[in-house]
Amino acid sequence: MTETLWPNTITFEEALADAASLTDSLLERLLVVPPDLEARVYEAMRYAVLAPGKRMRPFLVLTSARLFGVALRCAVQVAAAIEMVHAYSMVHDDLPAMDDSDLRRGRPTCHKEFDEATAVLAGDGLLTTAFEVLAHPDTHADPAVRCELVAALAAAAGAAGMVGGQMIDLIAEHRPLDIGAITRLQRMKTGALIAFSCESGAILAKAPTEARTALRGYAHDLGLAYQIADDLLDVEGSTAETGKPVGADAAAGKATFVSILGVERARSQAELLIGQAVAHLDLFGRRAELLREAARFVISRRT
């Protein structure tokens, strides 16, 4: 792969695979296991973040950066950081105190492979290392851009974003939520990191407000559609397909888009959201075709 991000002829499948390869290669270099007593937490961090997966968020980072001609090296730094935060969130979500899951991405969850205390520390390590990566000069020569990336990811991952969404998700086990509350939950828990992934390319490029607004709108609709697709998989999919237990939300009595809307209305809503997401990309013309394909992939995936 050259310093230029992807030729116009690359397919969505090729770009997704390249994003995964580039991100995983950098994660391998960033998380070298030291020959010291703390080695176990590094092993757990690597186990979590290098688990097989689509790497959709890194793909969105690299593809949004491609719109503005951002250097590959810079974009991959951000891609690695977002994948660390995503992995940390899954490690903590799977803990007995949260969702109490034994399987993730087709293999034992981090606390099952290691132990609960190590899993907590591995999640903490991934989260903090992500901000170390964003703050490094390799991410961008301009310290102001690095600061903006740090602030944006902190907001997306924190109590006003993913962490707050997880809190609402825990409350949903004991209190019925209406469609408005479910939508807010998913915008925070899932959508906030997707929004950062899409907008990060514009931040790296110091792009104008119009471009950032378009990417934010795309990400908003994409994130909700992504969650509806997850809810549908939890009802219609299998553990063999998804690599994690299915039916967990229904068993816990949680309200979801599917439980409130029903399967067919939920699927129609996801399709509507994807149409809206794609419309936000008109500003970028043909340059945004990979993002359009990503939107269509979100509601057709089986994992």
C-alpha atoms as a PDB file:
ATOM      1  CA  MET A   1       0.000   0.000   0.000  1.00  0.00           C
ATOM      2  CA  THR A   2       1.387   3.363  -0.974  1.00  0.00           C
ATOM      3  CA  GLU A   3       1.098   6.597   0.989  1.00  0.00           C
ATOM      4  CA  THR A   4      -1.999   7.424  -1.085  1.00  0.00           C
ATOM      5  CA  LEU A   5      -5.222   5.937   0.269  1.00  0.00           C
ATOM      6  CA  TRP A   6      -6.749   3.486  -2.203  1.00  0.00           C
ATOM      7  CA  PRO A   7      -7.195   3.958  -5.943  1.00  0.00           C
ATOM      8  CA  ASN A   8     -10.665   4.733  -7.281  1.00  0.00           C
ATOM      9  CA  THR A   9     -10.946   1.215  -8.693  1.00  0.00           C
ATOM     10  CA  ILE A  10     -10.751  -0.589  -5.338  1.00  0.00           C
ATOM     11  CA  THR A  11     -13.855  -2.512  -4.258  1.00  0.00           C
ATOM     12  CA  PHE A  12     -15.533  -2.140  -0.879  1.00  0.00           C
ATOM     13  CA  GLU A  13     -14.465  -5.661   0.123  1.00  0.00           C
ATOM     14  CA  GLU A  14     -10.844  -4.910  -0.794  1.00  0.00           C
ATOM     15  CA  ALA A  15     -10.881  -1.603   1.063  1.00  0.00           C
ATOM     16  CA  LEU A  16     -12.387  -3.218   4.164  1.00  0.00           C
ATOM     17  CA  ALA A  17      -9.725  -5.937   4.110  1.00  0.00           C
ATOM     18  CA  ASP A  18      -6.957  -3.362   3.583  1.00  0.00           C
ATOM     19  CA  ALA A  19      -8.240  -1.282   6.502  1.00  0.00           C
ATOM     20  CA  ALA A  20      -8.143  -4.339   8.735  1.00  0.00           C
ATOM     21  CA  SER A  21      -4.645  -5.302   7.585  1.00  0.00           C
ATOM     22  CA  LEU A  22      -3.210  -1.813   8.005  1.00  0.00           C
ATOM     23  CA  THR A  23      -4.796  -1.324  11.413  1.00  0.00           C
ATOM     24  CA  ASP A  24      -3.773  -4.737  12.722  1.00  0.00           C
ATOM     25  CA  SER A  25      -0.183  -4.245  11.552  1.00  0.00           C
ATOM     26  CA  LEU A  26       0.084  -0.998  13.503  1.00  0.00           C
ATOM     27  CA  LEU A  27      -1.604  -2.507  16.570  1.00  0.00           C
ATOM     28  CA  GLU A  28       0.957  -5.321  16.494  1.00  0.00           C
ATOM     29  CA  ARG A  29       3.758  -2.743  16.586  1.00  0.00           C
ATOM     30  CA  LEU A  30       2.136  -0.580  19.250  1.00  0.00           C
ATOM     31  CA  LEU A  31       1.379  -3.439  21.651  1.00  0.00           C
ATOM     32  CA  VAL A  32       4.615  -5.381  21.887  1.00  0.00           C
ATOM     33  CA  VAL A  33       4.619  -7.622  24.973  1.00  0.00           C
ATOM     34  CA  PRO A  34       7.464  -6.596  27.308  1.00  0.00           C
ATOM     35  CA  PRO A  35       9.653  -9.224  29.041  1.00  0.00           C
ATOM     36  CA  ASP A  36       8.517  -8.041  32.466  1.00  0.00           C
ATOM     37  CA  LEU A  37       5.910  -8.820  35.112  1.00  0.00           C
ATOM     38  CA  GLU A  38       3.269  -6.657  33.423  1.00  0.00           C
ATOM     39  CA  ALA A  39       3.422  -8.835  30.290  1.00  0.00           C
ATOM     40  CA  ARG A  40       0.098 -10.505  31.131  1.00  0.00           C
ATOM     41  CA  VAL A  41      -1.919  -7.324  30.703  1.00  0.00           C
ATOM     42  CA  TYR A  42      -0.286  -6.706  27.310  1.00  0.00           C
ATOM     43  CA  GLU A  43      -1.187 -10.239  26.285  1.00  0.00           C
ATOM     44  CA  ALA A  44      -4.794  -9.618  27.293  1.00  0.00           C
ATOM     45  CA  MET A  45      -4.850  -6.279  25.439  1.00  0.00           C
ATOM     46  CA  ARG A  46      -3.560  -7.958  22.278  1.00  0.00           C
ATOM     47  CA  TYR A  47      -6.042 -10.814  22.679  1.00  0.00           C
ATOM     48  CA  ALA A  48      -8.916  -8.317  22.790  1.00  0.00           C
ATOM     49  CA  VAL A  49      -7.914  -5.827  20.114  1.00  0.00           C
ATOM     50  CA  LEU A  50      -6.459  -8.282  17.593  1.00  0.00           C
ATOM     51  CA  ALA A  51      -9.442 -10.639  17.725  1.00  0.00           C
ATOM     52  CA  PRO A  52     -10.939 -11.384  14.295  1.00  0.00           C
ATOM     53  CA  GLY A  53     -13.367  -8.687  13.211  1.00  0.00           C
ATOM     54  CA  LYS A  54     -14.564  -6.512  10.346  1.00  0.00           C
ATOM     55  CA  ARG A  55     -12.677  -3.375  11.529  1.00  0.00           C
ATOM     56  CA  MET A  56     -15.573  -1.236  10.331  1.00  0.00           C
ATOM     57  CA  ARG A  57     -14.572   1.767  12.433  1.00  0.00           C
ATOM     58  CA  PRO A  58     -10.993   1.819  11.107  1.00  0.00           C
ATOM     59  CA  PHE A  59     -12.442   1.499   7.619  1.00  0.00           C
ATOM     60  CA  LEU A  60     -14.594   4.579   8.232  1.00  0.00           C
ATOM     61  CA  VAL A  61     -11.563   6.499   9.530  1.00  0.00           C
ATOM     62  CA  LEU A  62      -9.446   5.633   6.494  1.00  0.00           C
ATOM     63  CA  THR A  63     -12.250   6.210   4.016  1.00  0.00           C
ATOM     64  CA  SER A  64     -13.198   9.604   5.440  1.00  0.00           C
ATOM     65  CA  ALA A  65      -9.506  10.576   5.404  1.00  0.00           C
ATOM     66  CA  ARG A  66      -9.304   9.493   1.762  1.00  0.00           C
ATOM     67  CA  LEU A  67     -11.938  12.109   0.844  1.00  0.00           C
ATOM     68  CA  PHE A  68      -9.470  14.856   1.772  1.00  0.00           C
ATOM     69  CA  GLY A  69      -6.165  13.311   0.687  1.00  0.00           C
ATOM     70  CA  VAL A  70      -4.917  12.781   4.248  1.00  0.00           C
ATOM     71  CA  ALA A  71      -1.592  10.946   4.529  1.00  0.00           C
ATOM     72  CA  LEU A  72      -2.048   7.221   5.131  1.00  0.00           C
ATOM     73  CA  ARG A  73       0.311   7.184   8.123  1.00  0.00           C
ATOM     74  CA  CYS A  74      -1.811   9.738   9.965  1.00  0.00           C
ATOM     75  CA  ALA A  75      -5.108   8.040   9.184  1.00  0.00           C
ATOM     76  CA  VAL A  76      -3.895   4.620  10.343  1.00  0.00           C
ATOM     77  CA  GLN A  77      -2.824   6.080  13.684  1.00  0.00           C
ATOM     78  CA  VAL A  78      -6.393   7.238  14.265  1.00  0.00           C
ATOM     79  CA  ALA A  79      -7.771   3.916  12.994  1.00  0.00           C
ATOM     80  CA  ALA A  80      -5.669   2.031  15.548  1.00  0.00           C
ATOM     81  CA  ALA A  81      -6.786   4.364  18.337  1.00  0.00           C
ATOM     82  CA  ILE A  82     -10.487   3.914  17.588  1.00  0.00           C
ATOM     83  CA  GLU A  83     -10.111   0.136  17.403  1.00  0.00           C
ATOM     84  CA  MET A  84      -8.456   0.162  20.831  1.00  0.00           C
ATOM     85  CA  VAL A  85     -11.385   2.099  22.282  1.00  0.00           C
ATOM     86  CA  HIS A  86     -13.882  -0.211  20.584  1.00  0.00           C
ATOM     87  CA  ALA A  87     -12.070  -3.290  21.908  1.00  0.00           C
ATOM     88  CA  TYR A  88     -11.901  -1.848  25.415  1.00  0.00           C
ATOM     89  CA  SER A  89     -15.649  -1.264  25.364  1.00  0.00           C
ATOM     90  CA  MET A  90     -16.320  -4.869  24.363  1.00  0.00           C
ATOM     91  CA  VAL A  91     -13.991  -6.249  27.061  1.00  0.00           C
ATOM     92  CA  HIS A  92     -15.836  -4.271  29.736  1.00  0.00           C
ATOM     93  CA  ASP A  93     -19.306  -4.941  28.246  1.00  0.00           C
ATOM     94  CA  ASP A  94     -18.652  -8.687  28.424  1.00  0.00           C
ATOM     95  CA  LEU A  95     -17.761  -8.681  32.143  1.00  0.00           C
ATOM     96  CA  PRO A  96     -20.111 -10.423  34.625  1.00  0.00           C
ATOM     97  CA  ALA A  97     -21.008  -7.017  36.075  1.00  0.00           C
ATOM     98  CA  MET A  98     -22.251  -5.894  32.658  1.00  0.00           C
ATOM     99  CA  ASP A  99     -23.574  -8.283  29.980  1.00  0.00           C
ATOM    100  CA  ASP A 100     -21.884 -11.399  31.422  1.00  0.00           C
ATOM    101  CA  SER A 101     -20.934 -12.853  28.030  1.00  0.00           C
ATOM    102  CA  ASP A 102     -18.703 -15.861  27.503  1.00  0.00           C
ATOM    103  CA  LEU A 103     -18.225 -15.549  23.738  1.00  0.00           C
ATOM    104  CA  ARG A 104     -17.022 -12.667  21.556  1.00  0.00           C
ATOM    105  CA  ARG A 105     -15.976 -12.810  17.906  1.00  0.00           C
ATOM    106  CA  GLY A 106     -16.190 -16.582  17.945  1.00  0.00           C
ATOM    107  CA  ARG A 107     -13.882 -17.214  20.898  1.00  0.00           C
ATOM    108  CA  PRO A 108     -13.865 -16.869  24.710  1.00  0.00           C
ATOM    109  CA  THR A 109     -14.259 -13.342  26.012  1.00  0.00           C
ATOM    110  CA  CYS A 110     -11.235 -11.673  27.593  1.00  0.00           C
ATOM    111  CA  HIS A 111     -12.274 -12.367  31.185  1.00  0.00           C
ATOM    112  CA  LYS A 112     -12.829 -16.036  30.322  1.00  0.00           C
ATOM    113  CA  GLU A 113      -9.479 -16.414  28.564  1.00  0.00           C
ATOM    114  CA  PHE A 114      -7.622 -14.589  31.362  1.00  0.00           C
ATOM    115  CA  ASP A 115      -9.595 -13.513  34.455  1.00  0.00           C
ATOM    116  CA  GLU A 116     -11.894 -10.670  35.456  1.00  0.00           C
ATOM    117  CA  ALA A 117      -9.245  -8.455  37.037  1.00  0.00           C
ATOM    118  CA  THR A 118      -6.908  -8.817  34.071  1.00  0.00           C
ATOM    119  CA  ALA A 119      -9.779  -8.061  31.682  1.00  0.00           C
ATOM    120  CA  VAL A 120     -10.576  -4.839  33.549  1.00  0.00           C
ATOM    121  CA  LEU A 121      -6.929  -3.801  33.375  1.00  0.00           C
ATOM    122  CA  ALA A 122      -6.690  -4.778  29.691  1.00  0.00           C
ATOM    123  CA  GLY A 123      -9.664  -2.538  28.911  1.00  0.00           C
ATOM    124  CA  ASP A 124      -8.115   0.303  30.911  1.00  0.00           C
ATOM    125  CA  GLY A 125      -4.830  -0.204  29.088  1.00  0.00           C
ATOM    126  CA  LEU A 126      -6.444  -0.113  25.646  1.00  0.00           C
ATOM    127  CA  LEU A 127      -8.423   3.038  26.439  1.00  0.00           C
ATOM    128  CA  THR A 128      -5.460   4.992  27.747  1.00  0.00           C
ATOM    129  CA  THR A 129      -3.114   3.794  25.008  1.00  0.00           C
ATOM    130  CA  ALA A 130      -5.595   5.040  22.411  1.00  0.00           C
ATOM    131  CA  PHE A 131      -5.154   8.609  23.658  1.00  0.00           C
ATOM    132  CA  GLU A 132      -1.386   8.175  23.772  1.00  0.00           C
ATOM    133  CA  VAL A 133      -1.516   7.230  20.087  1.00  0.00           C
ATOM    134  CA  LEU A 134      -3.663  10.237  19.159  1.00  0.00           C
ATOM    135  CA  ALA A 135      -1.332  12.593  21.047  1.00  0.00           C
ATOM    136  CA  HIS A 136       1.784  11.276  19.241  1.00  0.00           C
ATOM    137  CA  PRO A 137       3.322  13.482  16.522  1.00  0.00           C
ATOM    138  CA  ASP A 138       2.963  10.604  14.049  1.00  0.00           C
ATOM    139  CA  THR A 139      -0.790  11.241  14.097  1.00  0.00           C
ATOM    140  CA  HIS A 140      -0.445  14.831  12.870  1.00  0.00           C
ATOM    141  CA  ALA A 141       2.279  17.462  12.745  1.00  0.00           C
ATOM    142  CA  ASP A 142      -0.072  20.134  14.126  1.00  0.00           C
ATOM    143  CA  PRO A 143      -0.556  19.850  17.914  1.00  0.00           C
ATOM    144  CA  ALA A 144      -3.915  21.632  17.614  1.00  0.00           C
ATOM    145  CA  VAL A 145      -5.219  18.855  15.354  1.00  0.00           C
ATOM    146  CA  ARG A 146      -4.006  16.212  17.797  1.00  0.00           C
ATOM    147  CA  CYS A 147      -5.734  18.027  20.648  1.00  0.00           C
ATOM    148  CA  GLU A 148      -8.962  18.187  18.661  1.00  0.00           C
ATOM    149  CA  LEU A 149      -8.804  14.459  17.958  1.00  0.00           C
ATOM    150  CA  VAL A 150      -8.202  13.702  21.650  1.00  0.00           C
ATOM    151  CA  ALA A 151     -11.095  15.923  22.711  1.00  0.00           C
ATOM    152  CA  ALA A 152     -13.460  14.489  20.085  1.00  0.00           C
ATOM    153  CA  LEU A 153     -12.696  10.873  20.981  1.00  0.00           C
ATOM    154  CA  ALA A 154     -12.959  11.617  24.712  1.00  0.00           C
ATOM    155  CA  ALA A 155     -16.415  13.102  24.158  1.00  0.00           C
ATOM    156  CA  ALA A 156     -17.509  10.157  22.013  1.00  0.00           C
ATOM    157  CA  ALA A 157     -16.241   7.540  24.462  1.00  0.00           C
ATOM    158  CA  GLY A 158     -17.199   9.233  27.739  1.00  0.00           C
ATOM    159  CA  ALA A 159     -20.286   9.781  29.866  1.00  0.00           C
ATOM    160  CA  ALA A 160     -21.949  11.941  27.204  1.00  0.00           C
ATOM    161  CA  GLY A 161     -21.281   9.218  24.620  1.00  0.00           C
ATOM    162  CA  MET A 162     -20.531   5.507  24.794  1.00  0.00           C
ATOM    163  CA  VAL A 163     -20.238   5.218  28.595  1.00  0.00           C
ATOM    164  CA  GLY A 164     -23.506   7.078  29.110  1.00  0.00           C
ATOM    165  CA  GLY A 165     -25.167   4.846  26.534  1.00  0.00           C
ATOM    166  CA  GLN A 166     -23.980   1.752  28.384  1.00  0.00           C
ATOM    167  CA  MET A 167     -25.445   3.156  31.593  1.00  0.00           C
ATOM    168  CA  ILE A 168     -28.829   3.568  29.899  1.00  0.00           C
ATOM    169  CA  ASP A 169     -28.465   0.037  28.521  1.00  0.00           C
ATOM    170  CA  LEU A 170     -28.043  -1.326  32.057  1.00  0.00           C
ATOM    171  CA  ILE A 171     -31.096   0.626  33.207  1.00  0.00           C
ATOM    172  CA  ALA A 172     -33.057  -0.889  30.294  1.00  0.00           C
ATOM    173  CA  GLU A 173     -32.800  -4.287  31.990  1.00  0.00           C
ATOM    174  CA  HIS A 174     -35.033  -3.031  34.818  1.00  0.00           C
ATOM    175  CA  ARG A 175     -37.086  -0.232  33.278  1.00  0.00           C
ATOM    176  CA  PRO A 176     -39.095  -0.183  30.035  1.00  0.00           C
ATOM    177  CA  LEU A 177     -37.817   2.331  27.492  1.00  0.00           C
ATOM    178  CA  ASP A 178     -39.778   3.897  24.666  1.00  0.00           C
ATOM    179  CA  ILE A 179     -38.484   4.297  21.107  1.00  0.00           C
ATOM    180  CA  GLY A 180     -37.103   7.772  21.847  1.00  0.00           C
ATOM    181  CA  ALA A 181     -35.043   6.503  24.763  1.00  0.00           C
ATOM    182  CA  ILE A 182     -33.818   3.507  22.768  1.00  0.00           C
ATOM    183  CA  THR A 183     -32.762   5.818  19.940  1.00  0.00           C
ATOM    184  CA  ARG A 184     -30.862   8.049  22.364  1.00  0.00           C
ATOM    185  CA  LEU A 185     -29.234   5.006  23.978  1.00  0.00           C
ATOM    186  CA  GLN A 186     -27.931   3.743  20.649  1.00  0.00           C
ATOM    187  CA  ARG A 187     -26.789   7.168  19.439  1.00  0.00           C
ATOM    188  CA  MET A 188     -24.624   7.327  22.545  1.00  0.00           C
ATOM    189  CA  LYS A 189     -23.507   3.714  22.941  1.00  0.00           C
ATOM    190  CA  THR A 190     -22.887   2.801  19.289  1.00  0.00           C
ATOM    191  CA  GLY A 191     -23.321   5.937  17.217  1.00  0.00           C
ATOM    192  CA  ALA A 192     -20.872   8.219  19.023  1.00  0.00           C
ATOM    193  CA  LEU A 193     -17.791   6.151  18.104  1.00  0.00           C
ATOM    194  CA  ILE A 194     -19.054   5.701  14.546  1.00  0.00           C
ATOM    195  CA  ALA A 195     -19.510   9.467  14.305  1.00  0.00           C
ATOM    196  CA  PHE A 196     -15.951  10.072  15.495  1.00  0.00           C
ATOM    197  CA  SER A 197     -14.657   7.513  12.989  1.00  0.00           C
ATOM    198  CA  CYS A 198     -16.393   9.301  10.119  1.00  0.00           C
ATOM    199  CA  GLU A 199     -15.479  12.824  11.181  1.00  0.00           C
ATOM    200  CA  SER A 200     -11.850  12.100  12.084  1.00  0.00           C
ATOM    201  CA  GLY A 201     -10.727  12.319   8.460  1.00  0.00           C
ATOM    202  CA  ALA A 202     -12.158  15.841   8.273  1.00  0.00           C
ATOM    203  CA  ILE A 203     -10.396  16.772  11.527  1.00  0.00           C
ATOM    204  CA  LEU A 204      -7.075  15.483  10.190  1.00  0.00           C
ATOM    205  CA  ALA A 205      -7.591  17.502   7.009  1.00  0.00           C
ATOM    206  CA  LYS A 206      -8.777  20.671   8.783  1.00  0.00           C
ATOM    207  CA  ALA A 207     -11.776  20.431   6.483  1.00  0.00           C
ATOM    208  CA  PRO A 208     -14.472  23.135   6.352  1.00  0.00           C
ATOM    209  CA  THR A 209     -17.631  22.984   8.451  1.00  0.00           C
ATOM    210  CA  GLU A 210     -19.817  21.929   5.517  1.00  0.00           C
ATOM    211  CA  ALA A 211     -17.825  18.737   4.989  1.00  0.00           C
ATOM    212  CA  ARG A 212     -17.800  17.903   8.690  1.00  0.00           C
ATOM    213  CA  THR A 213     -21.556  18.432   8.927  1.00  0.00           C
ATOM    214  CA  ALA A 214     -22.154  16.088   5.981  1.00  0.00           C
ATOM    215  CA  LEU A 215     -20.016  13.344   7.510  1.00  0.00           C
ATOM    216  CA  ARG A 216     -21.668  13.824  10.897  1.00  0.00           C
ATOM    217  CA  GLY A 217     -25.110  13.446   9.315  1.00  0.00           C
ATOM    218  CA  TYR A 218     -23.991  10.335   7.444  1.00  0.00           C
ATOM    219  CA  ALA A 219     -22.587   8.829  10.643  1.00  0.00           C
ATOM    220  CA  HIS A 220     -25.704   9.648  12.665  1.00  0.00           C
ATOM    221  CA  ASP A 221     -27.985   7.690  10.326  1.00  0.00           C
ATOM    222  CA  LEU A 222     -25.421   4.951   9.724  1.00  0.00           C
ATOM    223  CA  GLY A 223     -24.972   4.371  13.459  1.00  0.00           C
ATOM    224  CA  LEU A 224     -28.694   3.887  14.079  1.00  0.00           C
ATOM    225  CA  ALA A 225     -29.027   1.578  11.076  1.00  0.00           C
ATOM    226  CA  TYR A 226     -26.012  -0.398  12.314  1.00  0.00           C
ATOM    227  CA  GLN A 227     -27.695  -0.944  15.683  1.00  0.00           C
ATOM    228  CA  ILE A 228     -31.000  -1.955  14.144  1.00  0.00           C
ATOM    229  CA  ALA A 229     -29.083  -4.506  12.056  1.00  0.00           C
ATOM    230  CA  ASP A 230     -27.490  -5.800  15.277  1.00  0.00           C
ATOM    231  CA  ASP A 231     -30.921  -6.075  16.901  1.00  0.00           C
ATOM    232  CA  LEU A 232     -32.199  -8.018  13.878  1.00  0.00           C
ATOM    233  CA  LEU A 233     -29.216 -10.370  14.054  1.00  0.00           C
ATOM    234  CA  ASP A 234     -29.909 -10.959  17.741  1.00  0.00           C
ATOM    235  CA  VAL A 235     -33.371 -12.194  16.724  1.00  0.00           C
ATOM    236  CA  GLU A 236     -32.722 -13.825  13.344  1.00  0.00           C
ATOM    237  CA  GLY A 237     -29.023 -14.724  13.411  1.00  0.00           C
ATOM    238  CA  SER A 238     -27.107 -17.608  14.956  1.00  0.00           C
ATOM    239  CA  THR A 239     -24.106 -17.819  17.242  1.00  0.00           C
ATOM    240  CA  ALA A 240     -22.162 -19.441  14.390  1.00  0.00           C
ATOM    241  CA  GLU A 241     -22.808 -16.369  12.196  1.00  0.00           C
ATOM    242  CA  THR A 242     -22.343 -13.609  14.756  1.00  0.00           C
ATOM    243  CA  GLY A 243     -19.563 -15.115  16.866  1.00  0.00           C
ATOM    244  CA  LYS A 244     -21.425 -14.175  20.065  1.00  0.00           C
ATOM    245  CA  PRO A 245     -24.552 -15.361  21.900  1.00  0.00           C
ATOM    246  CA  VAL A 246     -27.853 -14.403  20.253  1.00  0.00           C
ATOM    247  CA  GLY A 247     -31.170 -13.761  21.948  1.00  0.00           C
ATOM    248  CA  ALA A 248     -29.477 -12.120  24.935  1.00  0.00           C
ATOM    249  CA  ASP A 249     -31.516  -8.909  24.798  1.00  0.00           C
ATOM    250  CA  ALA A 250     -34.819 -10.767  24.737  1.00  0.00           C
ATOM    251  CA  ALA A 251     -33.678 -13.041  27.566  1.00  0.00           C
ATOM    252  CA  ALA A 252     -32.770  -9.999  29.665  1.00  0.00           C
ATOM    253  CA  GLY A 253     -36.092  -8.333  28.881  1.00  0.00           C
ATOM    254  CA  LYS A 254     -34.414  -5.349  27.210  1.00  0.00           C
ATOM    255  CA  ALA A 255     -36.378  -3.137  24.864  1.00  0.00           C
ATOM    256  CA  THR A 256     -34.764  -2.892  21.415  1.00  0.00           C
ATOM    257  CA  PHE A 257     -35.747  -1.450  18.047  1.00  0.00           C
ATOM    258  CA  VAL A 258     -36.987  -4.908  17.051  1.00  0.00           C
ATOM    259  CA  SER A 259     -38.964  -5.571  20.222  1.00  0.00           C
ATOM    260  CA  ILE A 260     -40.739  -2.213  19.897  1.00  0.00           C
ATOM    261  CA  LEU A 261     -41.161  -1.970  16.113  1.00  0.00           C
ATOM    262  CA  GLY A 262     -41.252  -5.631  15.126  1.00  0.00           C
ATOM    263  CA  VAL A 263     -38.934  -7.278  12.606  1.00  0.00           C
ATOM    264  CA  GLU A 264     -40.406  -5.867   9.394  1.00  0.00           C
ATOM    265  CA  ARG A 265     -40.832  -2.284  10.615  1.00  0.00           C
ATOM    266  CA  ALA A 266     -37.330  -2.351  12.100  1.00  0.00           C
ATOM    267  CA  ARG A 267     -35.895  -3.545   8.788  1.00  0.00           C
ATOM    268  CA  SER A 268     -37.802  -0.817   6.920  1.00  0.00           C
ATOM    269  CA  GLN A 269     -36.522   1.793   9.351  1.00  0.00           C
ATOM    270  CA  ALA A 270     -32.937   0.618   8.825  1.00  0.00           C
ATOM    271  CA  GLU A 271     -33.367   0.894   5.051  1.00  0.00           C
ATOM    272  CA  LEU A 272     -34.805   4.399   5.443  1.00  0.00           C
ATOM    273  CA  LEU A 273     -31.848   5.450   7.587  1.00  0.00           C
ATOM    274  CA  ILE A 274     -29.371   4.086   5.047  1.00  0.00           C
ATOM    275  CA  GLY A 275     -31.057   6.112   2.325  1.00  0.00           C
ATOM    276  CA  GLN A 276     -30.729   9.232   4.454  1.00  0.00           C
ATOM    277  CA  ALA A 277     -27.103   8.436   5.269  1.00  0.00           C
ATOM    278  CA  VAL A 278     -26.187   8.090   1.603  1.00  0.00           C
ATOM    279  CA  ALA A 279     -27.916  11.378   0.759  1.00  0.00           C
ATOM    280  CA  HIS A 280     -25.585  13.239   3.130  1.00  0.00           C
ATOM    281  CA  LEU A 281     -22.668  12.208   0.883  1.00  0.00           C
ATOM    282  CA  ASP A 282     -23.885  14.098  -2.204  1.00  0.00           C
ATOM    283  CA  LEU A 283     -21.423  16.871  -1.340  1.00  0.00           C
ATOM    284  CA  PHE A 284     -18.507  14.549  -2.124  1.00  0.00           C
ATOM    285  CA  GLY A 285     -19.759  13.125  -5.419  1.00  0.00           C
ATOM    286  CA  ARG A 286     -18.168   9.906  -6.677  1.00  0.00           C
ATOM    287  CA  ARG A 287     -15.308  10.201  -4.181  1.00  0.00           C
ATOM    288  CA  ALA A 288     -17.635   8.908  -1.450  1.00  0.00           C
ATOM    289  CA  GLU A 289     -18.669   5.702  -3.232  1.00  0.00           C
ATOM    290  CA  LEU A 290     -16.900   3.471  -0.683  1.00  0.00           C
ATOM    291  CA  LEU A 291     -18.872   5.122   2.115  1.00  0.00           C
ATOM    292  CA  ARG A 292     -22.087   4.523   0.172  1.00  0.00           C
ATOM    293  CA  GLU A 293     -21.181   0.849  -0.200  1.00  0.00           C
ATOM    294  CA  ALA A 294     -20.393   0.670   3.515  1.00  0.00           C
ATOM    295  CA  ALA A 295     -23.889   1.940   4.294  1.00  0.00           C
ATOM    296  CA  ARG A 296     -25.457  -0.743   2.133  1.00  0.00           C
ATOM    297  CA  PHE A 297     -23.227  -3.386   3.725  1.00  0.00           C
ATOM    298  CA  VAL A 298     -24.369  -2.429   7.238  1.00  0.00           C
ATOM    299  CA  ILE A 299     -27.916  -3.684   6.741  1.00  0.00           C
ATOM    300  CA  SER A 300     -27.009  -6.749   4.670  1.00  0.00           C
ATOM    301  CA  ARG A 301     -24.294  -8.205   6.933  1.00  0.00           C
ATOM    302  CA  ARG A 302     -24.737 -11.448   8.856  1.00  0.00           C
ATOM    303  CA  THR A 303     -21.996 -10.901  11.456  1.00  0.00           C
END
